[in-house]
Amino acid sequence: QSLLGNGVMAVFGILIVAILYRGLSVNEIGIYVFFMTLLNLTDTFKSGFLTNAFIKFYSGTNKERANEVAGSAWALAFAITGLFVILNILAYFLITPYITNEGMIFFLKYFAIISVCTVPSFMANLVVQGEKRFDRLLWMRLINQVLFTGTVITLIFLKQSTLTSIIITYILC
């Protein structure tokens, strides 16, 4: 199930990029790819800091210990996210007037909201991994990707696909 989940996410990743290449302008898809690259870089930092330790100390423990580990992970996830959000807000107000790169401006504009909104799904993924419930992990990822892909296709069909509408869809899904 874990392998299937990773394979399904790879297929959806390719599918959504292909759809976005058809639904966004060349400039917008460039900004989107840049945005997602920076977002994934920061998520990798958070994930690398928490995932292995969480699973090591959560998996196979009693319920009380598992709750302590989960609570600590939530606190650390919000602390890391909070640090990134503070840096993002400072950068947005201090350096945005001097930046001409549209991708960087777009990233600084939406990074904080996405960072905060993705913490619950990140933590849910950690918990189901720690509980070795890869069936639930597969369903959680699948639901997220089907909703996102379906909404993007709908936006394109309705001729409402803009970079902003795609990012808002990403946040909501």
C-alpha atoms as a PDB file:
ATOM      1  CA  GLN A   1       0.000   0.000   0.000  1.00  0.00           C
ATOM      2  CA  SER A   2       2.881   2.358   0.710  1.00  0.00           C
ATOM      3  CA  LEU A   3       4.435   1.647  -2.677  1.00  0.00           C
ATOM      4  CA  LEU A   4       1.041   1.995  -4.350  1.00  0.00           C
ATOM      5  CA  GLY A   5       0.503   5.320  -2.582  1.00  0.00           C
ATOM      6  CA  ASN A   6       3.839   6.665  -3.762  1.00  0.00           C
ATOM      7  CA  GLY A   7       3.153   5.467  -7.296  1.00  0.00           C
ATOM      8  CA  VAL A   8      -0.307   7.032  -7.349  1.00  0.00           C
ATOM      9  CA  MET A   9       1.098  10.345  -6.123  1.00  0.00           C
ATOM     10  CA  ALA A  10       3.751  10.280  -8.833  1.00  0.00           C
ATOM     11  CA  VAL A  11       1.098   9.678 -11.499  1.00  0.00           C
ATOM     12  CA  PHE A  12      -1.086  12.472 -10.126  1.00  0.00           C
ATOM     13  CA  GLY A  13       1.944  14.762  -9.981  1.00  0.00           C
ATOM     14  CA  ILE A  14       2.645  14.194 -13.664  1.00  0.00           C
ATOM     15  CA  LEU A  15      -1.051  14.506 -14.521  1.00  0.00           C
ATOM     16  CA  ILE A  16      -1.544  17.794 -12.678  1.00  0.00           C
ATOM     17  CA  VAL A  17       1.569  19.336 -14.223  1.00  0.00           C
ATOM     18  CA  ALA A  18       0.380  18.270 -17.686  1.00  0.00           C
ATOM     19  CA  ILE A  19      -3.055  19.769 -17.016  1.00  0.00           C
ATOM     20  CA  LEU A  20      -1.545  22.982 -15.689  1.00  0.00           C
ATOM     21  CA  TYR A  21       0.675  23.310 -18.749  1.00  0.00           C
ATOM     22  CA  ARG A  22      -2.522  23.362 -20.782  1.00  0.00           C
ATOM     23  CA  GLY A  23      -4.456  25.671 -18.463  1.00  0.00           C
ATOM     24  CA  LEU A  24      -1.921  28.340 -17.536  1.00  0.00           C
ATOM     25  CA  SER A  25       0.112  30.741 -19.616  1.00  0.00           C
ATOM     26  CA  VAL A  26       3.842  30.128 -20.081  1.00  0.00           C
ATOM     27  CA  ASN A  27       4.640  32.856 -17.539  1.00  0.00           C
ATOM     28  CA  GLU A  28       2.146  31.488 -15.011  1.00  0.00           C
ATOM     29  CA  ILE A  29       3.373  27.887 -15.285  1.00  0.00           C
ATOM     30  CA  GLY A  30       6.926  29.125 -14.759  1.00  0.00           C
ATOM     31  CA  ILE A  31       5.864  30.959 -11.622  1.00  0.00           C
ATOM     32  CA  TYR A  32       3.899  27.888 -10.467  1.00  0.00           C
ATOM     33  CA  VAL A  33       6.895  25.568 -10.900  1.00  0.00           C
ATOM     34  CA  PHE A  34       9.170  28.050  -9.095  1.00  0.00           C
ATOM     35  CA  PHE A  35       6.585  28.467  -6.325  1.00  0.00           C
ATOM     36  CA  MET A  36       6.126  24.724  -5.828  1.00  0.00           C
ATOM     37  CA  THR A  37       9.889  24.173  -5.835  1.00  0.00           C
ATOM     38  CA  LEU A  38      10.394  26.685  -3.024  1.00  0.00           C
ATOM     39  CA  LEU A  39       7.365  25.342  -1.149  1.00  0.00           C
ATOM     40  CA  ASN A  40       8.621  21.759  -1.413  1.00  0.00           C
ATOM     41  CA  LEU A  41      12.069  22.865  -0.250  1.00  0.00           C
ATOM     42  CA  THR A  42      10.668  24.362   2.938  1.00  0.00           C
ATOM     43  CA  ASP A  43       8.341  21.379   3.445  1.00  0.00           C
ATOM     44  CA  THR A  44      11.323  19.065   3.061  1.00  0.00           C
ATOM     45  CA  PHE A  45      13.043  20.923   5.898  1.00  0.00           C
ATOM     46  CA  LYS A  46      10.018  20.476   8.172  1.00  0.00           C
ATOM     47  CA  SER A  47       9.490  16.890   7.075  1.00  0.00           C
ATOM     48  CA  GLY A  48      13.140  15.975   7.484  1.00  0.00           C
ATOM     49  CA  PHE A  49      13.195  17.476  10.935  1.00  0.00           C
ATOM     50  CA  LEU A  50      10.063  15.675  12.172  1.00  0.00           C
ATOM     51  CA  THR A  51       9.193  12.550  10.180  1.00  0.00           C
ATOM     52  CA  ASN A  52      11.860  10.031  11.203  1.00  0.00           C
ATOM     53  CA  ALA A  53      11.871  11.066  14.845  1.00  0.00           C
ATOM     54  CA  PHE A  54       8.074  11.041  15.000  1.00  0.00           C
ATOM     55  CA  ILE A  55       7.722   7.579  13.499  1.00  0.00           C
ATOM     56  CA  LYS A  56      10.575   6.176  15.601  1.00  0.00           C
ATOM     57  CA  PHE A  57       9.091   7.359  18.894  1.00  0.00           C
ATOM     58  CA  TYR A  58       5.390   7.072  17.977  1.00  0.00           C
ATOM     59  CA  SER A  59       5.180   3.695  16.294  1.00  0.00           C
ATOM     60  CA  GLY A  60       4.619   0.722  18.567  1.00  0.00           C
ATOM     61  CA  THR A  61       4.290   2.690  21.803  1.00  0.00           C
ATOM     62  CA  ASN A  62       1.423   2.757  24.238  1.00  0.00           C
ATOM     63  CA  LYS A  63      -1.362   5.277  23.733  1.00  0.00           C
ATOM     64  CA  GLU A  64      -0.157   7.681  26.431  1.00  0.00           C
ATOM     65  CA  ARG A  65       3.375   7.840  24.993  1.00  0.00           C
ATOM     66  CA  ALA A  66       2.013   8.121  21.441  1.00  0.00           C
ATOM     67  CA  ASN A  67      -0.103  11.101  22.512  1.00  0.00           C
ATOM     68  CA  GLU A  68       2.947  12.768  24.102  1.00  0.00           C
ATOM     69  CA  VAL A  69       4.984  12.259  20.932  1.00  0.00           C
ATOM     70  CA  ALA A  70       2.137  13.525  18.744  1.00  0.00           C
ATOM     71  CA  GLY A  71       1.677  16.595  20.941  1.00  0.00           C
ATOM     72  CA  SER A  72       5.382  17.342  20.821  1.00  0.00           C
ATOM     73  CA  ALA A  73       5.400  16.916  17.051  1.00  0.00           C
ATOM     74  CA  TRP A  74       2.454  19.291  16.702  1.00  0.00           C
ATOM     75  CA  ALA A  75       4.306  21.854  18.808  1.00  0.00           C
ATOM     76  CA  LEU A  76       7.483  21.469  16.754  1.00  0.00           C
ATOM     77  CA  ALA A  77       5.551  21.589  13.475  1.00  0.00           C
ATOM     78  CA  PHE A  78       3.893  24.838  14.517  1.00  0.00           C
ATOM     79  CA  ALA A  79       7.199  26.228  15.812  1.00  0.00           C
ATOM     80  CA  ILE A  80       8.949  25.491  12.509  1.00  0.00           C
ATOM     81  CA  THR A  81       5.976  26.814  10.567  1.00  0.00           C
ATOM     82  CA  GLY A  82       5.818  29.882  12.804  1.00  0.00           C
ATOM     83  CA  LEU A  83       9.499  30.594  12.221  1.00  0.00           C
ATOM     84  CA  PHE A  84       9.008  30.316   8.453  1.00  0.00           C
ATOM     85  CA  VAL A  85       5.884  32.494   8.609  1.00  0.00           C
ATOM     86  CA  ILE A  86       7.671  35.203  10.602  1.00  0.00           C
ATOM     87  CA  LEU A  87      10.581  35.171   8.154  1.00  0.00           C
ATOM     88  CA  ASN A  88       8.107  35.238   5.264  1.00  0.00           C
ATOM     89  CA  ILE A  89       6.155  38.186   6.638  1.00  0.00           C
ATOM     90  CA  LEU A  90       9.340  40.138   7.315  1.00  0.00           C
ATOM     91  CA  ALA A  91      10.646  39.355   3.833  1.00  0.00           C
ATOM     92  CA  TYR A  92       7.326  40.257   2.259  1.00  0.00           C
ATOM     93  CA  PHE A  93       7.230  43.704   3.800  1.00  0.00           C
ATOM     94  CA  LEU A  94      10.948  44.476   3.752  1.00  0.00           C
ATOM     95  CA  ILE A  95      12.193  43.156   0.417  1.00  0.00           C
ATOM     96  CA  THR A  96       9.160  42.798  -1.865  1.00  0.00           C
ATOM     97  CA  PRO A  97       9.395  46.440  -2.990  1.00  0.00           C
ATOM     98  CA  TYR A  98      12.905  45.706  -4.266  1.00  0.00           C
ATOM     99  CA  ILE A  99      12.157  42.404  -6.006  1.00  0.00           C
ATOM    100  CA  THR A 100      11.217  42.299  -9.669  1.00  0.00           C
ATOM    101  CA  ASN A 101      10.934  38.508  -9.978  1.00  0.00           C
ATOM    102  CA  GLU A 102       7.221  37.659 -10.207  1.00  0.00           C
ATOM    103  CA  GLY A 103       7.788  34.130  -8.907  1.00  0.00           C
ATOM    104  CA  MET A 104       9.487  35.331  -5.743  1.00  0.00           C
ATOM    105  CA  ILE A 105       6.806  37.964  -5.122  1.00  0.00           C
ATOM    106  CA  PHE A 106       4.098  35.332  -5.610  1.00  0.00           C
ATOM    107  CA  PHE A 107       5.902  32.959  -3.250  1.00  0.00           C
ATOM    108  CA  LEU A 108       6.245  35.614  -0.557  1.00  0.00           C
ATOM    109  CA  LYS A 109       2.575  36.503  -0.974  1.00  0.00           C
ATOM    110  CA  TYR A 110       1.151  32.990  -0.469  1.00  0.00           C
ATOM    111  CA  PHE A 111       3.775  31.035   1.442  1.00  0.00           C
ATOM    112  CA  ALA A 112       2.589  31.873   4.965  1.00  0.00           C
ATOM    113  CA  ILE A 113      -1.032  30.886   4.377  1.00  0.00           C
ATOM    114  CA  ILE A 114      -0.072  27.610   2.696  1.00  0.00           C
ATOM    115  CA  SER A 115       2.412  26.796   5.452  1.00  0.00           C
ATOM    116  CA  VAL A 116      -0.204  27.206   8.164  1.00  0.00           C
ATOM    117  CA  CYS A 117      -2.964  25.425   6.222  1.00  0.00           C
ATOM    118  CA  THR A 118      -0.851  22.353   5.463  1.00  0.00           C
ATOM    119  CA  VAL A 119       0.228  21.590   9.035  1.00  0.00           C
ATOM    120  CA  PRO A 120      -2.903  19.514   9.869  1.00  0.00           C
ATOM    121  CA  SER A 121      -2.572  17.332   6.773  1.00  0.00           C
ATOM    122  CA  PHE A 122       1.164  16.937   7.394  1.00  0.00           C
ATOM    123  CA  MET A 123       0.505  15.804  10.957  1.00  0.00           C
ATOM    124  CA  ALA A 124      -2.298  13.472   9.857  1.00  0.00           C
ATOM    125  CA  ASN A 125       0.127  11.876   7.414  1.00  0.00           C
ATOM    126  CA  LEU A 126       2.670  11.392  10.196  1.00  0.00           C
ATOM    127  CA  VAL A 127       0.120   9.786  12.501  1.00  0.00           C
ATOM    128  CA  VAL A 128      -1.141   7.294   9.935  1.00  0.00           C
ATOM    129  CA  GLN A 129       2.452   6.438   8.996  1.00  0.00           C
ATOM    130  CA  GLY A 130       3.300   5.975  12.662  1.00  0.00           C
ATOM    131  CA  GLU A 131       0.273   3.708  13.083  1.00  0.00           C
ATOM    132  CA  LYS A 132       1.372   1.802   9.975  1.00  0.00           C
ATOM    133  CA  ARG A 133      -2.019   2.488   8.384  1.00  0.00           C
ATOM    134  CA  PHE A 134      -0.813   2.860   4.830  1.00  0.00           C
ATOM    135  CA  ASP A 135      -4.347   2.204   3.582  1.00  0.00           C
ATOM    136  CA  ARG A 136      -5.494   5.412   5.285  1.00  0.00           C
ATOM    137  CA  LEU A 137      -2.437   7.260   4.012  1.00  0.00           C
ATOM    138  CA  LEU A 138      -3.270   6.158   0.484  1.00  0.00           C
ATOM    139  CA  TRP A 139      -6.872   7.336   0.863  1.00  0.00           C
ATOM    140  CA  MET A 140      -5.867  10.668   2.370  1.00  0.00           C
ATOM    141  CA  ARG A 141      -3.425  11.353  -0.451  1.00  0.00           C
ATOM    142  CA  LEU A 142      -5.846  10.097  -3.076  1.00  0.00           C
ATOM    143  CA  ILE A 143      -8.713  12.257  -1.833  1.00  0.00           C
ATOM    144  CA  ASN A 144      -6.455  15.309  -1.759  1.00  0.00           C
ATOM    145  CA  GLN A 145      -5.115  14.747  -5.268  1.00  0.00           C
ATOM    146  CA  VAL A 146      -8.483  13.867  -6.805  1.00  0.00           C
ATOM    147  CA  LEU A 147     -10.034  17.008  -5.295  1.00  0.00           C
ATOM    148  CA  PHE A 148      -7.161  19.187  -6.483  1.00  0.00           C
ATOM    149  CA  THR A 149      -7.014  17.688  -9.966  1.00  0.00           C
ATOM    150  CA  GLY A 150     -10.789  17.759 -10.365  1.00  0.00           C
ATOM    151  CA  THR A 151     -11.017  21.371  -9.245  1.00  0.00           C
ATOM    152  CA  VAL A 152      -8.190  22.417 -11.571  1.00  0.00           C
ATOM    153  CA  ILE A 153      -9.894  20.665 -14.496  1.00  0.00           C
ATOM    154  CA  THR A 154     -13.152  22.415 -13.594  1.00  0.00           C
ATOM    155  CA  LEU A 155     -11.399  25.799 -13.422  1.00  0.00           C
ATOM    156  CA  ILE A 156      -9.830  25.204 -16.825  1.00  0.00           C
ATOM    157  CA  PHE A 157     -13.156  24.084 -18.310  1.00  0.00           C
ATOM    158  CA  LEU A 158     -14.859  27.206 -16.915  1.00  0.00           C
ATOM    159  CA  LYS A 159     -11.966  29.352 -18.192  1.00  0.00           C
ATOM    160  CA  GLN A 160     -11.269  30.547 -14.649  1.00  0.00           C
ATOM    161  CA  SER A 161      -7.798  29.057 -14.299  1.00  0.00           C
ATOM    162  CA  THR A 162      -5.321  31.637 -13.132  1.00  0.00           C
ATOM    163  CA  LEU A 163      -2.250  31.183 -11.028  1.00  0.00           C
ATOM    164  CA  THR A 164      -4.070  32.657  -8.044  1.00  0.00           C
ATOM    165  CA  SER A 165      -7.112  30.388  -8.469  1.00  0.00           C
ATOM    166  CA  ILE A 166      -4.838  27.344  -8.725  1.00  0.00           C
ATOM    167  CA  ILE A 167      -2.976  28.279  -5.526  1.00  0.00           C
ATOM    168  CA  ILE A 168      -6.245  28.952  -3.697  1.00  0.00           C
ATOM    169  CA  THR A 169      -7.442  25.527  -4.874  1.00  0.00           C
ATOM    170  CA  TYR A 170      -4.206  24.008  -3.567  1.00  0.00           C
ATOM    171  CA  ILE A 171      -4.746  25.668  -0.180  1.00  0.00           C
ATOM    172  CA  LEU A 172      -8.364  24.524   0.071  1.00  0.00           C
ATOM    173  CA  CYS A 173      -7.667  20.952  -0.996  1.00  0.00           C
END
